[in-house]
Protein backbone atom coordinates (compact mmCIF):
# COMPACT_ATOMS: atom_id res chain seq x y z
CA UNK A 1 10.87 -5.80 57.64
CA UNK A 2 9.15 -3.58 55.05
CA UNK A 3 5.63 -4.67 54.14
CA UNK A 4 4.80 -4.79 50.44
CA UNK A 5 1.09 -4.64 51.09
CA UNK A 6 -1.12 -1.68 51.84
CA UNK A 7 -3.08 1.08 50.11
CA UNK A 8 -0.04 2.50 48.27
CA UNK A 9 0.88 -0.88 46.80
CA UNK A 10 -2.71 -1.48 45.77
CA UNK A 11 -2.85 1.91 44.03
CA UNK A 12 0.48 1.23 42.30
CA UNK A 13 -0.63 -2.21 41.14
CA UNK A 14 -3.97 -0.89 39.91
CA UNK A 15 -2.26 1.94 38.02
CA UNK A 16 0.18 -0.47 36.41
CA UNK A 17 -2.61 -2.78 35.29
CA UNK A 18 -4.52 0.18 33.92
CA UNK A 19 -1.43 1.31 32.02
CA UNK A 20 -1.04 -2.16 30.51
CA UNK A 21 -4.72 -2.20 29.56
CA UNK A 22 -4.35 1.25 27.97
CA UNK A 23 -1.31 0.09 25.96
CA UNK A 24 -3.12 -3.07 24.82
CA UNK A 25 -6.18 -1.11 23.71
CA UNK A 26 -3.96 1.32 21.82
CA UNK A 27 -2.33 -1.64 20.08
CA UNK A 28 -5.76 -2.94 19.07
CA UNK A 29 -6.64 0.52 17.74
CA UNK A 30 -3.48 0.43 15.62
CA UNK A 31 -4.35 -2.97 14.12
CA UNK A 32 -4.81 -1.65 10.57
CA UNK A 33 -1.58 0.37 10.70
CA UNK A 34 0.37 -2.56 12.15
CA UNK A 35 -0.98 -4.91 9.47
CA UNK A 36 -0.23 -2.39 6.71
CA UNK A 37 3.35 -1.69 7.80
CA UNK A 38 3.92 -5.42 8.29
CA UNK A 39 2.82 -5.94 4.69
CA UNK A 40 5.16 -3.18 3.50
CA UNK A 41 8.04 -4.77 5.40
CA UNK A 42 7.24 -8.27 4.13
CA UNK A 43 7.00 -7.04 0.54
CA UNK A 44 10.64 -5.92 0.64
CA UNK A 45 11.66 -9.55 1.22
CA UNK A 46 9.74 -10.86 -1.81
CA UNK A 47 11.71 -11.29 -5.03
CA UNK A 48 10.64 -12.12 -8.56
CA UNK A 49 7.14 -10.70 -8.10
CA UNK A 50 4.93 -10.80 -11.22
CA UNK A 51 3.63 -7.30 -10.31
CA UNK A 52 5.29 -4.20 -8.92
CA UNK A 53 5.57 -4.09 -5.14
CA UNK A 54 3.60 -0.83 -4.91
CA UNK A 55 0.76 -2.36 -6.96
CA UNK A 56 0.72 -5.44 -4.75
CA UNK A 57 0.40 -3.17 -1.71
CA UNK A 58 -2.66 -1.48 -3.25
CA UNK A 59 -4.40 -4.87 -3.43
CA UNK A 60 -3.22 -5.65 0.10
CA UNK A 61 -4.64 -2.37 1.42
CA UNK A 62 -8.01 -3.01 -0.23
CA UNK A 63 -8.16 -6.53 1.22
CA UNK A 64 -7.30 -5.21 4.69
CA UNK A 65 -10.08 -2.63 4.44
CA UNK A 66 -12.60 -5.28 3.38
CA UNK A 67 -11.47 -7.61 6.16
CA UNK A 68 -11.91 -4.96 8.86
CA UNK A 69 -15.34 -4.03 7.51
CA UNK A 70 -16.62 -7.61 7.09
CA UNK A 71 -15.35 -8.59 10.54
CA UNK A 72 -17.22 -5.64 12.05
CA UNK A 73 -14.02 -4.05 13.35
CA UNK A 74 -14.92 -0.90 11.43
CA UNK A 75 -18.42 0.34 10.61
CA UNK A 76 -19.62 1.74 7.31
CA UNK A 77 -19.26 5.23 8.80
CA UNK A 78 -15.67 4.43 9.78
CA UNK A 79 -14.91 3.23 6.26
CA UNK A 80 -16.28 6.51 4.89
CA UNK A 81 -13.96 8.49 7.20
CA UNK A 82 -11.03 6.28 6.24
CA UNK A 83 -11.87 6.75 2.56
CA UNK A 84 -11.82 10.53 2.93
CA UNK A 85 -8.46 10.26 4.73
CA UNK A 86 -7.19 8.20 1.79
CA UNK A 87 -8.30 10.85 -0.74
CA UNK A 88 -6.94 13.90 1.11
CA UNK A 89 -3.77 11.93 1.80
CA UNK A 90 -3.28 11.26 -1.92
CA UNK A 91 -3.84 14.96 -2.66
CA UNK A 92 -1.19 15.77 -0.06
CA UNK A 93 1.19 13.23 -1.62
CA UNK A 94 0.71 14.57 -5.16
CA UNK A 95 1.77 18.05 -4.15
CA UNK A 96 4.61 17.02 -1.86
CA UNK A 97 6.11 14.49 -4.27
CA UNK A 98 5.90 16.95 -7.16
CA UNK A 99 7.88 19.44 -5.05
CA UNK A 100 10.51 16.83 -4.13
CA UNK A 101 9.69 16.67 -0.40
CA UNK A 102 9.88 12.86 -0.62
CA UNK A 103 9.52 10.18 -3.28
CA UNK A 104 8.41 6.67 -4.16
CA UNK A 105 11.38 5.53 -6.25
CA UNK A 106 10.10 2.13 -7.37
CA UNK A 107 8.10 1.59 -10.59
CA UNK A 108 4.39 0.75 -10.55
CA UNK A 109 1.42 0.64 -12.90
CA UNK A 110 -0.96 2.15 -10.33
CA UNK A 111 1.15 5.26 -9.98
CA UNK A 112 0.22 8.81 -10.98
CA UNK A 113 2.61 11.78 -11.03
CA UNK A 114 5.10 9.79 -9.00
CA UNK A 115 2.59 8.76 -6.32
CA UNK A 116 1.46 5.12 -6.05
CA UNK A 117 -2.18 4.63 -5.07
CA UNK A 118 -1.09 2.64 -2.05
CA UNK A 119 0.29 5.87 -0.56
CA UNK A 120 -3.23 6.86 0.42
CA UNK A 121 -3.50 3.81 2.66
CA UNK A 122 -0.81 5.29 4.90
CA UNK A 123 -3.24 8.11 5.74
CA UNK A 124 -6.16 5.69 5.83
CA UNK A 125 -4.28 3.83 8.56
CA UNK A 126 -4.29 7.00 10.67
CA UNK A 127 -8.03 7.36 10.06
CA UNK A 128 -8.54 3.73 11.07
CA UNK A 129 -6.63 4.32 14.31
CA UNK A 130 -8.77 7.33 15.28
CA UNK A 131 -12.05 5.54 14.46
CA UNK A 132 -11.10 2.35 16.30
CA UNK A 133 -9.78 4.28 19.31
CA UNK A 134 -13.11 6.13 19.47
CA UNK A 135 -14.95 2.81 19.74
CA UNK A 136 -12.53 0.90 21.94
CA UNK A 137 -12.03 3.70 24.47
CA UNK A 138 -15.65 4.90 24.28
CA UNK A 139 -14.42 8.45 23.64
CA UNK A 140 -16.50 11.45 24.62
CA UNK A 141 -15.64 15.09 23.93
CA UNK A 142 -16.20 17.70 26.63
CA UNK A 143 -16.54 21.39 25.68
CA UNK A 144 -15.57 20.67 22.09
CA UNK A 145 -15.91 23.54 19.59
CA UNK A 146 -16.54 21.72 16.29
CA UNK A 147 -16.64 24.69 13.93
CA UNK A 148 -13.65 26.51 15.34
CA UNK A 149 -11.50 23.36 15.44
CA UNK A 150 -12.58 22.41 11.91
CA UNK A 151 -11.62 25.84 10.53
CA UNK A 152 -8.19 25.76 12.18
CA UNK A 153 -7.59 22.14 11.12
CA UNK A 154 -8.45 23.02 7.50
CA UNK A 155 -6.07 25.98 7.66
CA UNK A 156 -3.33 23.70 9.02
CA UNK A 157 -3.86 21.27 6.14
CA UNK A 158 -3.75 24.07 3.54
CA UNK A 159 -0.65 25.60 5.10
CA UNK A 160 1.29 22.39 4.44
CA UNK A 161 0.70 23.16 0.74
CA UNK A 162 0.96 26.94 0.68
CA UNK A 163 4.12 27.28 2.79
CA UNK A 164 6.08 26.34 -0.33
CA UNK A 165 5.05 29.67 -1.90
CA UNK A 166 3.81 31.79 1.01
CA UNK A 167 5.17 32.43 4.53
CA UNK A 168 4.86 29.36 6.75
CA UNK A 169 2.07 29.96 9.29
CA UNK A 170 2.70 26.73 11.18
CA UNK A 171 3.50 28.32 14.53
CA UNK A 172 0.60 30.83 14.50
CA UNK A 173 -1.73 27.98 13.53
CA UNK A 174 -0.36 25.84 16.37
CA UNK A 175 -1.18 28.67 18.78
CA UNK A 176 -4.68 28.94 17.26
CA UNK A 177 -5.19 25.19 17.65
CA UNK A 178 -4.24 25.48 21.32
CA UNK A 179 -6.68 28.37 21.69
CA UNK A 180 -9.68 26.62 20.10
CA UNK A 181 -9.02 23.41 22.07
CA UNK A 182 -8.40 25.18 25.38
CA UNK A 183 -10.68 23.64 27.98
CA UNK A 184 -11.62 20.76 25.66
CA UNK A 185 -10.97 17.30 27.01
CA UNK A 186 -11.41 13.72 25.88
CA UNK A 187 -13.06 11.25 28.24
CA UNK A 188 -12.14 7.61 27.76
CA UNK A 189 -12.52 4.32 29.57
CA UNK A 190 -9.73 1.98 30.70
CA UNK A 191 -10.54 -1.09 32.84
CA UNK A 192 -13.90 0.37 33.82
CA UNK A 193 -12.41 3.68 34.99
CA UNK A 194 -13.52 6.88 33.27
CA UNK A 195 -10.48 9.11 32.66
CA UNK A 196 -9.91 12.36 30.85
CA UNK A 197 -7.12 14.05 28.91
CA UNK A 198 -6.83 17.53 27.33
CA UNK A 199 -7.55 17.28 23.61
CA UNK A 200 -4.40 19.24 22.73
CA UNK A 201 -2.29 16.78 24.74
CA UNK A 202 -3.83 13.86 22.83
CA UNK A 203 -2.77 15.54 19.56
CA UNK A 204 0.80 15.84 20.83
CA UNK A 205 0.97 12.23 22.01
CA UNK A 206 -0.52 10.88 18.77
CA UNK A 207 1.86 13.08 16.79
CA UNK A 208 4.82 11.61 18.65
CA UNK A 209 3.80 8.03 17.92
CA UNK A 210 3.08 8.89 14.29
CA UNK A 211 6.60 10.29 14.05
CA UNK A 212 7.94 6.99 15.43
CA UNK A 213 5.76 5.12 12.92
CA UNK A 214 7.12 7.32 10.12
CA UNK A 215 10.64 6.35 11.09
CA UNK A 216 9.64 2.69 10.90
CA UNK A 217 7.76 3.18 7.61
CA UNK A 218 10.70 4.81 5.88
CA UNK A 219 13.03 2.16 7.29
CA UNK A 220 10.98 -0.60 5.59
CA UNK A 221 10.80 1.38 2.35
CA UNK A 222 7.28 2.82 2.39
CA UNK A 223 8.72 6.01 0.83
CA UNK A 224 12.00 7.93 0.87
CA UNK A 225 13.08 11.39 1.87
CA UNK A 226 15.89 12.88 -0.26
CA UNK A 227 18.42 12.35 2.53
CA UNK A 228 17.46 8.66 2.73
CA UNK A 229 18.10 7.78 -0.92
CA UNK A 230 21.58 6.39 -0.24
CA UNK A 231 20.78 4.78 3.09
CA UNK A 232 18.20 5.12 5.81
CA UNK A 233 18.48 7.98 8.29
CA UNK A 234 16.07 8.94 11.09
CA UNK A 235 13.22 11.24 10.17
CA UNK A 236 13.79 14.78 11.45
CA UNK A 237 12.21 15.62 14.79
CA UNK A 238 10.35 18.54 13.19
CA UNK A 239 8.00 15.93 11.68
CA UNK A 240 6.80 15.23 15.23
CA UNK A 241 5.31 18.72 15.33
CA UNK A 242 3.90 18.38 11.82
CA UNK A 243 2.04 15.19 12.74
CA UNK A 244 0.74 16.75 15.95
CA UNK A 245 -0.88 19.43 13.80
CA UNK A 246 -2.04 17.19 10.95
CA UNK A 247 -3.82 14.73 13.24
CA UNK A 248 -6.37 17.50 13.86
CA UNK A 249 -7.75 16.93 10.33
CA UNK A 250 -8.38 13.23 10.93
CA UNK A 251 -9.88 13.97 14.33
CA UNK A 252 -12.29 16.54 12.89
CA UNK A 253 -13.42 14.07 10.20
CA UNK A 254 -14.06 11.34 12.77
CA UNK A 255 -15.84 13.71 15.18
CA UNK A 256 -18.03 15.08 12.37
CA UNK A 257 -19.00 11.55 11.31
CA UNK A 258 -19.90 10.67 14.90
CA UNK A 259 -22.12 13.72 15.27
CA UNK A 260 -23.79 13.06 11.92
CA UNK A 261 -24.44 9.45 12.96
CA UNK A 262 -26.16 10.57 16.16
CA UNK A 263 -28.47 12.88 14.16
CA UNK A 264 -29.59 10.13 11.80
CA UNK A 265 -32.97 8.53 12.62
CA UNK A 266 -32.77 5.04 14.12
């Protein structure tokens, strides 16, 4: 009779529990994004609203931000990072919507050049995830090159604008991002164990889950791509790569805020 006890079983059980703990902590880190997308989904079921749905979602996003701050789930420094993510996200939206990359087809009062103000909260949710993950996992960067990564991340962000008029440098920039993050790892804690992961791998994994979230967001009507105007279709897999690159901007903002916070006098 085969015994189910022993060192191997103990290692397997411990690894499984650690995986569950990791997944649960990730879910907690995504709390703002989950709440925001739930609100977007719920708003599609509401009829006869006295205000436009997009305008209602702006108020909902503000209330969520206040709730997370007042409850201590996000610090003042986190809110600042999230606010910057909101602003650069709106700038991104203004250019992309004007070029027809995607659209927000519903009317709204709080809408400028086709972009509702609530659109910035979609990027704020990514900023919230990075800030909360930093706290919950007790993240620590090893051999991180702040200036080099920041320069490449800024170039990646700009390329998503300029590729409409200039040659797309996405692949060379991806290679550069791999180069400046080579040897850089992220240390994090799960169930008391200190683990590490290459920074570049974390960008890829986050990009994949952001691509899944984008599929869900477009399904519940957060925005529409041209090919989704007459019925939902999955978001192209190329967006997975785009998110893996774009997450570098949010990461740089959060890392810069953390370093600045450590330099401030207590």
